[in-house]
Amino acid sequence: MSLVNELEQEIENFKREYEKFERGNKSAGTRARKVLQSIKKTCQEIRVSIQGAKKEDEKDDLPSED
């Protein structure tokens, strides 16, 4: 599964748990916080992936020293 799809799924999980929390389910609040932590981790992985791709592109754009 791609990181973006994983992020979308985690966001949907967060929405479900947060709605339960708003209706008074305290345990859902704990689960929502856990999903938010997972979202944070996935976002960081996406950021690193993007930065790595940018660096590769920059390296490819440099003139060769032949």
PDB file of N, CA and C in Angstrom:
ATOM      1  N   MET A   1       0.852  -1.171   0.000  1.00  0.00           N
ATOM      2  CA  MET A   1       0.000   0.000   0.000  1.00  0.00           C
ATOM      3  C   MET A   1       0.902   1.240   0.000  1.00  0.00           C
ATOM      4  N   SER A   2       0.535   2.215  -0.802  1.00  0.00           N
ATOM      5  CA  SER A   2       1.341   3.430  -0.845  1.00  0.00           C
ATOM      6  C   SER A   2       1.147   4.231   0.437  1.00  0.00           C
ATOM      7  N   LEU A   3       2.094   5.086   0.715  1.00  0.00           N
ATOM      8  CA  LEU A   3       2.022   5.897   1.936  1.00  0.00           C
ATOM      9  C   LEU A   3       0.810   6.814   1.926  1.00  0.00           C
ATOM     10  N   VAL A   4       0.458   7.327   0.757  1.00  0.00           N
ATOM     11  CA  VAL A   4      -0.706   8.223   0.671  1.00  0.00           C
ATOM     12  C   VAL A   4      -1.988   7.455   0.982  1.00  0.00           C
ATOM     13  N   ASN A   5      -2.107   6.249   0.455  1.00  0.00           N
ATOM     14  CA  ASN A   5      -3.285   5.428   0.762  1.00  0.00           C
ATOM     15  C   ASN A   5      -3.336   5.085   2.248  1.00  0.00           C
ATOM     16  N   GLU A   6      -2.179   4.793   2.813  1.00  0.00           N
ATOM     17  CA  GLU A   6      -2.096   4.496   4.251  1.00  0.00           C
ATOM     18  C   GLU A   6      -2.560   5.708   5.064  1.00  0.00           C
ATOM     19  N   LEU A   7      -2.119   6.893   4.657  1.00  0.00           N
ATOM     20  CA  LEU A   7      -2.511   8.121   5.343  1.00  0.00           C
ATOM     21  C   LEU A   7      -4.022   8.331   5.254  1.00  0.00           C
ATOM     22  N   GLU A   8      -4.595   8.123   4.074  1.00  0.00           N
ATOM     23  CA  GLU A   8      -6.040   8.283   3.905  1.00  0.00           C
ATOM     24  C   GLU A   8      -6.811   7.328   4.810  1.00  0.00           C
ATOM     25  N   GLN A   9      -6.339   6.086   4.898  1.00  0.00           N
ATOM     26  CA  GLN A   9      -6.996   5.100   5.751  1.00  0.00           C
ATOM     27  C   GLN A   9      -6.897   5.500   7.224  1.00  0.00           C
ATOM     28  N   GLU A  10      -5.732   5.980   7.633  1.00  0.00           N
ATOM     29  CA  GLU A  10      -5.559   6.406   9.019  1.00  0.00           C
ATOM     30  C   GLU A  10      -6.465   7.594   9.346  1.00  0.00           C
ATOM     31  N   ILE A  11      -6.618   8.511   8.416  1.00  0.00           N
ATOM     32  CA  ILE A  11      -7.489   9.668   8.640  1.00  0.00           C
ATOM     33  C   ILE A  11      -8.939   9.208   8.811  1.00  0.00           C
ATOM     34  N   GLU A  12      -9.359   8.260   7.992  1.00  0.00           N
ATOM     35  CA  GLU A  12     -10.718   7.721   8.140  1.00  0.00           C
ATOM     36  C   GLU A  12     -10.890   7.055   9.501  1.00  0.00           C
ATOM     37  N   ASN A  13      -9.882   6.292   9.940  1.00  0.00           N
ATOM     38  CA  ASN A  13      -9.940   5.667  11.268  1.00  0.00           C
ATOM     39  C   ASN A  13     -10.044   6.728  12.356  1.00  0.00           C
ATOM     40  N   PHE A  14      -9.258   7.804  12.209  1.00  0.00           N
ATOM     41  CA  PHE A  14      -9.309   8.880  13.194  1.00  0.00           C
ATOM     42  C   PHE A  14     -10.705   9.486  13.253  1.00  0.00           C
ATOM     43  N   LYS A  15     -11.298   9.761  12.098  1.00  0.00           N
ATOM     44  CA  LYS A  15     -12.636  10.370  12.063  1.00  0.00           C
ATOM     45  C   LYS A  15     -13.652   9.503  12.801  1.00  0.00           C
ATOM     46  N   ARG A  16     -13.605   8.190  12.537  1.00  0.00           N
ATOM     47  CA  ARG A  16     -14.550   7.278  13.206  1.00  0.00           C
ATOM     48  C   ARG A  16     -14.364   7.315  14.719  1.00  0.00           C
ATOM     49  N   GLU A  17     -13.120   7.208  15.169  1.00  0.00           N
ATOM     50  CA  GLU A  17     -12.863   7.185  16.610  1.00  0.00           C
ATOM     51  C   GLU A  17     -13.207   8.522  17.262  1.00  0.00           C
ATOM     52  N   TYR A  18     -12.914   9.611  16.578  1.00  0.00           N
ATOM     53  CA  TYR A  18     -13.200  10.926  17.155  1.00  0.00           C
ATOM     54  C   TYR A  18     -14.705  11.156  17.273  1.00  0.00           C
ATOM     55  N   GLU A  19     -15.467  10.690  16.282  1.00  0.00           N
ATOM     56  CA  GLU A  19     -16.920  10.814  16.370  1.00  0.00           C
ATOM     57  C   GLU A  19     -17.453  10.047  17.577  1.00  0.00           C
ATOM     58  N   LYS A  20     -16.913   8.851  17.815  1.00  0.00           N
ATOM     59  CA  LYS A  20     -17.311   8.070  18.985  1.00  0.00           C
ATOM     60  C   LYS A  20     -16.948   8.815  20.266  1.00  0.00           C
ATOM     61  N   PHE A  21     -15.762   9.423  20.278  1.00  0.00           N
ATOM     62  CA  PHE A  21     -15.328  10.183  21.455  1.00  0.00           C
ATOM     63  C   PHE A  21     -16.273  11.349  21.727  1.00  0.00           C
ATOM     64  N   GLU A  22     -16.679  12.047  20.675  1.00  0.00           N
ATOM     65  CA  GLU A  22     -17.587  13.186  20.845  1.00  0.00           C
ATOM     66  C   GLU A  22     -18.938  12.759  21.401  1.00  0.00           C
ATOM     67  N   ARG A  23     -19.325  11.513  21.162  1.00  0.00           N
ATOM     68  CA  ARG A  23     -20.597  10.998  21.698  1.00  0.00           C
ATOM     69  C   ARG A  23     -20.441  10.480  23.126  1.00  0.00           C
ATOM     70  N   GLY A  24     -19.224  10.602  23.681  1.00  0.00           N
ATOM     71  CA  GLY A  24     -19.039  10.245  25.082  1.00  0.00           C
ATOM     72  C   GLY A  24     -18.218   9.001  25.350  1.00  0.00           C
ATOM     73  N   ASN A  25     -17.734   8.340  24.321  1.00  0.00           N
ATOM     74  CA  ASN A  25     -16.943   7.122  24.510  1.00  0.00           C
ATOM     75  C   ASN A  25     -15.490   7.525  24.795  1.00  0.00           C
ATOM     76  N   LYS A  26     -15.110   7.464  26.065  1.00  0.00           N
ATOM     77  CA  LYS A  26     -13.765   7.890  26.479  1.00  0.00           C
ATOM     78  C   LYS A  26     -12.672   7.004  25.883  1.00  0.00           C
ATOM     79  N   SER A  27     -12.916   5.722  25.734  1.00  0.00           N
ATOM     80  CA  SER A  27     -11.924   4.822  25.158  1.00  0.00           C
ATOM     81  C   SER A  27     -11.613   5.182  23.710  1.00  0.00           C
ATOM     82  N   ALA A  28     -12.604   5.689  23.009  1.00  0.00           N
ATOM     83  CA  ALA A  28     -12.395   6.101  21.623  1.00  0.00           C
ATOM     84  C   ALA A  28     -11.428   7.279  21.559  1.00  0.00           C
ATOM     85  N   GLY A  29     -11.407   8.111  22.584  1.00  0.00           N
ATOM     86  CA  GLY A  29     -10.460   9.224  22.636  1.00  0.00           C
ATOM     87  C   GLY A  29      -9.028   8.721  22.671  1.00  0.00           C
ATOM     88  N   THR A  30      -8.790   7.665  23.422  1.00  0.00           N
ATOM     89  CA  THR A  30      -7.457   7.064  23.488  1.00  0.00           C
ATOM     90  C   THR A  30      -7.075   6.493  22.127  1.00  0.00           C
ATOM     91  N   ARG A  31      -8.017   5.806  21.496  1.00  0.00           N
ATOM     92  CA  ARG A  31      -7.744   5.239  20.170  1.00  0.00           C
ATOM     93  C   ARG A  31      -7.506   6.342  19.149  1.00  0.00           C
ATOM     94  N   ALA A  32      -8.264   7.432  19.228  1.00  0.00           N
ATOM     95  CA  ALA A  32      -8.084   8.556  18.302  1.00  0.00           C
ATOM     96  C   ALA A  32      -6.686   9.151  18.455  1.00  0.00           C
ATOM     97  N   ARG A  33      -6.231   9.304  19.690  1.00  0.00           N
ATOM     98  CA  ARG A  33      -4.883   9.839  19.916  1.00  0.00           C
ATOM     99  C   ARG A  33      -3.819   8.902  19.360  1.00  0.00           C
ATOM    100  N   LYS A  34      -4.044   7.599  19.506  1.00  0.00           N
ATOM    101  CA  LYS A  34      -3.103   6.615  18.974  1.00  0.00           C
ATOM    102  C   LYS A  34      -3.029   6.710  17.443  1.00  0.00           C
ATOM    103  N   VAL A  35      -4.184   6.865  16.800  1.00  0.00           N
ATOM    104  CA  VAL A  35      -4.212   7.000  15.345  1.00  0.00           C
ATOM    105  C   VAL A  35      -3.527   8.297  14.933  1.00  0.00           C
ATOM    106  N   LEU A  36      -3.713   9.380  15.689  1.00  0.00           N
ATOM    107  CA  LEU A  36      -3.039  10.642  15.363  1.00  0.00           C
ATOM    108  C   LEU A  36      -1.526  10.477  15.407  1.00  0.00           C
ATOM    109  N   GLN A  37      -1.030   9.703  16.352  1.00  0.00           N
ATOM    110  CA  GLN A  37       0.407   9.460  16.427  1.00  0.00           C
ATOM    111  C   GLN A  37       0.877   8.686  15.195  1.00  0.00           C
ATOM    112  N   SER A  38       0.073   7.742  14.760  1.00  0.00           N
ATOM    113  CA  SER A  38       0.399   6.978  13.559  1.00  0.00           C
ATOM    114  C   SER A  38       0.369   7.877  12.319  1.00  0.00           C
ATOM    115  N   ILE A  39      -0.591   8.805  12.270  1.00  0.00           N
ATOM    116  CA  ILE A  39      -0.671   9.760  11.159  1.00  0.00           C
ATOM    117  C   ILE A  39       0.588  10.614  11.122  1.00  0.00           C
ATOM    118  N   LYS A  40       1.029  11.043  12.281  1.00  0.00           N
ATOM    119  CA  LYS A  40       2.250  11.849  12.367  1.00  0.00           C
ATOM    120  C   LYS A  40       3.441  11.080  11.785  1.00  0.00           C
ATOM    121  N   LYS A  41       3.556   9.805  12.141  1.00  0.00           N
ATOM    122  CA  LYS A  41       4.656   8.968  11.653  1.00  0.00           C
ATOM    123  C   LYS A  41       4.578   8.799  10.131  1.00  0.00           C
ATOM    124  N   THR A  42       3.383   8.541   9.633  1.00  0.00           N
ATOM    125  CA  THR A  42       3.207   8.368   8.189  1.00  0.00           C
ATOM    126  C   THR A  42       3.527   9.651   7.445  1.00  0.00           C
ATOM    127  N   CYS A  43       3.101  10.789   7.983  1.00  0.00           N
ATOM    128  CA  CYS A  43       3.415  12.078   7.351  1.00  0.00           C
ATOM    129  C   CYS A  43       4.926  12.296   7.289  1.00  0.00           C
ATOM    130  N   GLN A  44       5.625  11.937   8.338  1.00  0.00           N
ATOM    131  CA  GLN A  44       7.077  12.085   8.348  1.00  0.00           C
ATOM    132  C   GLN A  44       7.716  11.187   7.283  1.00  0.00           C
ATOM    133  N   GLU A  45       7.212   9.974   7.146  1.00  0.00           N
ATOM    134  CA  GLU A  45       7.732   9.069   6.122  1.00  0.00           C
ATOM    135  C   GLU A  45       7.512   9.651   4.723  1.00  0.00           C
ATOM    136  N   ILE A  46       6.353  10.255   4.500  1.00  0.00           N
ATOM    137  CA  ILE A  46       6.062  10.876   3.210  1.00  0.00           C
ATOM    138  C   ILE A  46       7.008  12.049   2.976  1.00  0.00           C
ATOM    139  N   ARG A  47       7.239  12.869   4.003  1.00  0.00           N
ATOM    140  CA  ARG A  47       8.148  14.010   3.875  1.00  0.00           C
ATOM    141  C   ARG A  47       9.554  13.552   3.499  1.00  0.00           C
ATOM    142  N   VAL A  48      10.035  12.513   4.157  1.00  0.00           N
ATOM    143  CA  VAL A  48      11.379  11.984   3.876  1.00  0.00           C
ATOM    144  C   VAL A  48      11.438  11.452   2.443  1.00  0.00           C
ATOM    145  N   SER A  49      10.394  10.764   2.024  1.00  0.00           N
ATOM    146  CA  SER A  49      10.336  10.225   0.672  1.00  0.00           C
ATOM    147  C   SER A  49      10.370  11.342  -0.372  1.00  0.00           C
ATOM    148  N   ILE A  50       9.611  12.394  -0.137  1.00  0.00           N
ATOM    149  CA  ILE A  50       9.584  13.536  -1.061  1.00  0.00           C
ATOM    150  C   ILE A  50      10.953  14.195  -1.111  1.00  0.00           C
ATOM    151  N   GLN A  51      11.554  14.412   0.053  1.00  0.00           N
ATOM    152  CA  GLN A  51      12.860  15.065   0.098  1.00  0.00           C
ATOM    153  C   GLN A  51      13.912  14.218  -0.622  1.00  0.00           C
ATOM    154  N   GLY A  52      13.850  12.909  -0.439  1.00  0.00           N
ATOM    155  CA  GLY A  52      14.787  12.022  -1.120  1.00  0.00           C
ATOM    156  C   GLY A  52      14.621  12.094  -2.630  1.00  0.00           C
ATOM    157  N   ALA A  53      13.386  12.153  -3.088  1.00  0.00           N
ATOM    158  CA  ALA A  53      13.128  12.250  -4.524  1.00  0.00           C
ATOM    159  C   ALA A  53      13.642  13.574  -5.070  1.00  0.00           C
ATOM    160  N   LYS A  54      13.466  14.642  -4.303  1.00  0.00           N
ATOM    161  CA  LYS A  54      13.960  15.951  -4.736  1.00  0.00           C
ATOM    162  C   LYS A  54      15.479  15.942  -4.862  1.00  0.00           C
ATOM    163  N   LYS A  55      16.153  15.335  -3.889  1.00  0.00           N
ATOM    164  CA  LYS A  55      17.623  15.279  -3.923  1.00  0.00           C
ATOM    165  C   LYS A  55      18.106  14.460  -5.114  1.00  0.00           C
ATOM    166  N   GLU A  56      17.408  13.370  -5.427  1.00  0.00           N
ATOM    167  CA  GLU A  56      17.766  12.555  -6.589  1.00  0.00           C
ATOM    168  C   GLU A  56      17.619  13.368  -7.870  1.00  0.00           C
ATOM    169  N   ASP A  57      16.532  14.138  -7.964  1.00  0.00           N
ATOM    170  CA  ASP A  57      16.316  14.977  -9.145  1.00  0.00           C
ATOM    171  C   ASP A  57      17.407  16.029  -9.276  1.00  0.00           C
ATOM    172  N   GLU A  58      17.784  16.623  -8.154  1.00  0.00           N
ATOM    173  CA  GLU A  58      18.836  17.642  -8.183  1.00  0.00           C
ATOM    174  C   GLU A  58      20.164  17.025  -8.631  1.00  0.00           C
ATOM    175  N   LYS A  59      20.441  15.814  -8.167  1.00  0.00           N
ATOM    176  CA  LYS A  59      21.684  15.139  -8.525  1.00  0.00           C
ATOM    177  C   LYS A  59      21.694  14.822 -10.024  1.00  0.00           C
ATOM    178  N   ASP A  60      20.530  14.432 -10.551  1.00  0.00           N
ATOM    179  CA  ASP A  60      20.434  14.110 -11.974  1.00  0.00           C
ATOM    180  C   ASP A  60      20.579  15.363 -12.839  1.00  0.00           C
ATOM    181  N   ASP A  61      20.212  16.528 -12.305  1.00  0.00           N
ATOM    182  CA  ASP A  61      20.277  17.783 -13.065  1.00  0.00           C
ATOM    183  C   ASP A  61      21.689  18.375 -13.141  1.00  0.00           C
ATOM    184  N   LEU A  62      22.588  17.910 -12.285  1.00  0.00           N
ATOM    185  CA  LEU A  62      23.941  18.447 -12.302  1.00  0.00           C
ATOM    186  C   LEU A  62      24.680  18.009 -13.565  1.00  0.00           C
ATOM    187  N   PRO A  63      25.460  18.893 -14.154  1.00  0.00           N
ATOM    188  CA  PRO A  63      26.221  18.501 -15.349  1.00  0.00           C
ATOM    189  C   PRO A  63      27.301  17.491 -14.956  1.00  0.00           C
ATOM    190  N   SER A  64      27.550  16.549 -15.832  1.00  0.00           N
ATOM    191  CA  SER A  64      28.575  15.539 -15.532  1.00  0.00           C
ATOM    192  C   SER A  64      29.953  16.136 -15.779  1.00  0.00           C
ATOM    193  N   GLU A  65      30.941  15.597 -15.091  1.00  0.00           N
ATOM    194  CA  GLU A  65      32.300  16.115 -15.175  1.00  0.00           C
ATOM    195  C   GLU A  65      33.148  15.235 -16.082  1.00  0.00           C
ATOM    196  N   ASP A  66      32.640  14.878 -17.241  1.00  0.00           N
ATOM    197  CA  ASP A  66      33.384  14.013 -18.185  1.00  0.00           C
ATOM    198  C   ASP A  66      34.331  14.784 -19.030  1.00  0.00           C
TER     199      ASP A  66
END
